[in-house]
């Protein structure tokens, strides 16, 4: 088993992900080689919660144009995991 911090790169911070937190659903950027089972075990081990469902999606990086050098580049491809927690469990990202 790999270290959970190798699998879970960072939480996604957006208005949509904050709205999902009210329903015990959390979104993470994860390692591209991680499976749903890897993500489930990593979240359970890192935060001490029970996971009921994991959905994953691969996001293609956008093509970006550099106006100064007139070249094309692109943002990196990412894999995201949408994790649903058991009723009553929650993750507090902003602990003091």
C-alpha atoms as a PDB file:
ATOM      1  CA  UNK A   1       0.000   0.000   0.000  1.00  0.00           C
ATOM      2  CA  UNK A   2       1.296   3.417  -0.949  1.00  0.00           C
ATOM      3  CA  UNK A   3       1.375   6.433   1.316  1.00  0.00           C
ATOM      4  CA  UNK A   4      -1.996   8.299   1.239  1.00  0.00           C
ATOM      5  CA  UNK A   5      -0.170  11.586   0.602  1.00  0.00           C
ATOM      6  CA  UNK A   6       1.244  10.132  -2.636  1.00  0.00           C
ATOM      7  CA  UNK A   7      -2.266   9.304  -3.859  1.00  0.00           C
ATOM      8  CA  UNK A   8      -4.175  12.392  -2.644  1.00  0.00           C
ATOM      9  CA  UNK A   9      -2.378  15.389  -4.151  1.00  0.00           C
ATOM     10  CA  UNK A  10      -4.706  18.192  -3.002  1.00  0.00           C
ATOM     11  CA  UNK A  11      -8.389  18.980  -2.482  1.00  0.00           C
ATOM     12  CA  UNK A  12     -10.192  20.869  -5.222  1.00  0.00           C
ATOM     13  CA  UNK A  13     -11.113  24.382  -4.090  1.00  0.00           C
ATOM     14  CA  UNK A  14     -14.051  25.707  -6.085  1.00  0.00           C
ATOM     15  CA  UNK A  15     -17.601  26.913  -5.536  1.00  0.00           C
ATOM     16  CA  UNK A  16     -18.993  23.644  -6.825  1.00  0.00           C
ATOM     17  CA  UNK A  17     -16.823  21.513  -4.531  1.00  0.00           C
ATOM     18  CA  UNK A  18     -17.793  23.672  -1.535  1.00  0.00           C
ATOM     19  CA  UNK A  19     -21.471  23.154  -2.379  1.00  0.00           C
ATOM     20  CA  UNK A  20     -20.901  19.395  -2.529  1.00  0.00           C
ATOM     21  CA  UNK A  21     -19.331  19.394   0.962  1.00  0.00           C
ATOM     22  CA  UNK A  22     -22.808  19.970   2.415  1.00  0.00           C
ATOM     23  CA  UNK A  23     -23.782  16.540   1.012  1.00  0.00           C
ATOM     24  CA  UNK A  24     -20.652  14.788   2.395  1.00  0.00           C
ATOM     25  CA  UNK A  25     -19.049  14.750  -1.058  1.00  0.00           C
ATOM     26  CA  UNK A  26     -15.403  15.833  -1.405  1.00  0.00           C
ATOM     27  CA  UNK A  27     -13.280  16.317  -4.522  1.00  0.00           C
ATOM     28  CA  UNK A  28      -9.537  15.615  -4.687  1.00  0.00           C
ATOM     29  CA  UNK A  29      -6.847  15.811  -7.359  1.00  0.00           C
ATOM     30  CA  UNK A  30      -5.263  12.370  -7.241  1.00  0.00           C
ATOM     31  CA  UNK A  31      -2.306  10.515  -8.734  1.00  0.00           C
ATOM     32  CA  UNK A  32      -3.084   9.560 -12.376  1.00  0.00           C
ATOM     33  CA  UNK A  33      -2.188   5.920 -11.716  1.00  0.00           C
ATOM     34  CA  UNK A  34      -4.429   5.599  -8.634  1.00  0.00           C
ATOM     35  CA  UNK A  35      -7.469   3.331  -8.788  1.00  0.00           C
ATOM     36  CA  UNK A  36     -10.786   3.855  -7.023  1.00  0.00           C
ATOM     37  CA  UNK A  37      -9.748   1.337  -4.368  1.00  0.00           C
ATOM     38  CA  UNK A  38      -6.461   3.196  -3.812  1.00  0.00           C
ATOM     39  CA  UNK A  39      -8.336   6.490  -3.374  1.00  0.00           C
ATOM     40  CA  UNK A  40     -10.837   4.913  -0.984  1.00  0.00           C
ATOM     41  CA  UNK A  41      -8.135   3.439   1.247  1.00  0.00           C
ATOM     42  CA  UNK A  42      -6.084   6.655   1.160  1.00  0.00           C
ATOM     43  CA  UNK A  43      -9.022   8.845   2.253  1.00  0.00           C
ATOM     44  CA  UNK A  44     -10.019   6.416   4.999  1.00  0.00           C
ATOM     45  CA  UNK A  45      -6.452   6.206   6.298  1.00  0.00           C
ATOM     46  CA  UNK A  46      -5.583   9.916   6.005  1.00  0.00           C
ATOM     47  CA  UNK A  47      -8.775  11.380   7.508  1.00  0.00           C
ATOM     48  CA  UNK A  48     -10.211   8.520   9.605  1.00  0.00           C
ATOM     49  CA  UNK A  49     -13.603   8.482   7.858  1.00  0.00           C
ATOM     50  CA  UNK A  50     -15.731   5.841   6.131  1.00  0.00           C
ATOM     51  CA  UNK A  51     -16.088   6.114   2.347  1.00  0.00           C
ATOM     52  CA  UNK A  52     -19.255   4.887   0.636  1.00  0.00           C
ATOM     53  CA  UNK A  53     -18.527   5.769  -3.010  1.00  0.00           C
ATOM     54  CA  UNK A  54     -15.662   6.925  -5.244  1.00  0.00           C
ATOM     55  CA  UNK A  55     -16.007   8.288  -8.773  1.00  0.00           C
ATOM     56  CA  UNK A  56     -12.953   9.230 -10.839  1.00  0.00           C
ATOM     57  CA  UNK A  57     -12.501  11.321 -13.957  1.00  0.00           C
ATOM     58  CA  UNK A  58      -9.546  12.263 -16.129  1.00  0.00           C
ATOM     59  CA  UNK A  59      -9.416  15.903 -17.180  1.00  0.00           C
ATOM     60  CA  UNK A  60      -7.495  16.894 -20.270  1.00  0.00           C
ATOM     61  CA  UNK A  61      -5.370  20.036 -19.853  1.00  0.00           C
ATOM     62  CA  UNK A  62      -6.442  23.093 -21.798  1.00  0.00           C
ATOM     63  CA  UNK A  63      -4.330  24.351 -24.697  1.00  0.00           C
ATOM     64  CA  UNK A  64      -2.961  27.787 -23.903  1.00  0.00           C
ATOM     65  CA  UNK A  65      -1.354  30.348 -26.216  1.00  0.00           C
ATOM     66  CA  UNK A  66       1.655  32.425 -25.233  1.00  0.00           C
ATOM     67  CA  UNK A  67       1.127  35.862 -26.744  1.00  0.00           C
ATOM     68  CA  UNK A  68       4.731  36.969 -26.306  1.00  0.00           C
ATOM     69  CA  UNK A  69       6.455  34.044 -28.051  1.00  0.00           C
ATOM     70  CA  UNK A  70       3.437  33.013 -30.169  1.00  0.00           C
ATOM     71  CA  UNK A  71       3.725  29.358 -29.099  1.00  0.00           C
ATOM     72  CA  UNK A  72       1.197  26.850 -27.861  1.00  0.00           C
ATOM     73  CA  UNK A  73       1.439  25.098 -24.549  1.00  0.00           C
ATOM     74  CA  UNK A  74      -1.013  23.243 -22.409  1.00  0.00           C
ATOM     75  CA  UNK A  75      -1.967  22.859 -18.802  1.00  0.00           C
ATOM     76  CA  UNK A  76      -1.238  19.461 -17.277  1.00  0.00           C
ATOM     77  CA  UNK A  77      -3.752  16.609 -17.467  1.00  0.00           C
ATOM     78  CA  UNK A  78      -5.242  15.795 -14.072  1.00  0.00           C
ATOM     79  CA  UNK A  79      -7.218  13.006 -12.498  1.00  0.00           C
ATOM     80  CA  UNK A  80      -9.905  13.878  -9.978  1.00  0.00           C
ATOM     81  CA  UNK A  81     -11.742  11.720  -7.481  1.00  0.00           C
ATOM     82  CA  UNK A  82     -15.215  12.539  -6.184  1.00  0.00           C
ATOM     83  CA  UNK A  83     -15.497  10.847  -2.774  1.00  0.00           C
ATOM     84  CA  UNK A  84     -18.798  10.327  -0.937  1.00  0.00           C
ATOM     85  CA  UNK A  85     -18.510   9.789   2.811  1.00  0.00           C
ATOM     86  CA  UNK A  86     -20.702   7.766   5.152  1.00  0.00           C
ATOM     87  CA  UNK A  87     -23.564   9.681   6.786  1.00  0.00           C
ATOM     88  CA  UNK A  88     -22.270  11.514   9.849  1.00  0.00           C
ATOM     89  CA  UNK A  89     -18.598  11.611   8.752  1.00  0.00           C
ATOM     90  CA  UNK A  90     -16.928  14.789   7.494  1.00  0.00           C
ATOM     91  CA  UNK A  91     -13.499  16.196   6.686  1.00  0.00           C
ATOM     92  CA  UNK A  92     -12.430  19.550   8.097  1.00  0.00           C
ATOM     93  CA  UNK A  93      -9.861  21.105   5.744  1.00  0.00           C
ATOM     94  CA  UNK A  94      -9.603  24.333   7.740  1.00  0.00           C
ATOM     95  CA  UNK A  95      -8.613  23.060  11.171  1.00  0.00           C
ATOM     96  CA  UNK A  96      -7.115  25.591  13.527  1.00  0.00           C
END
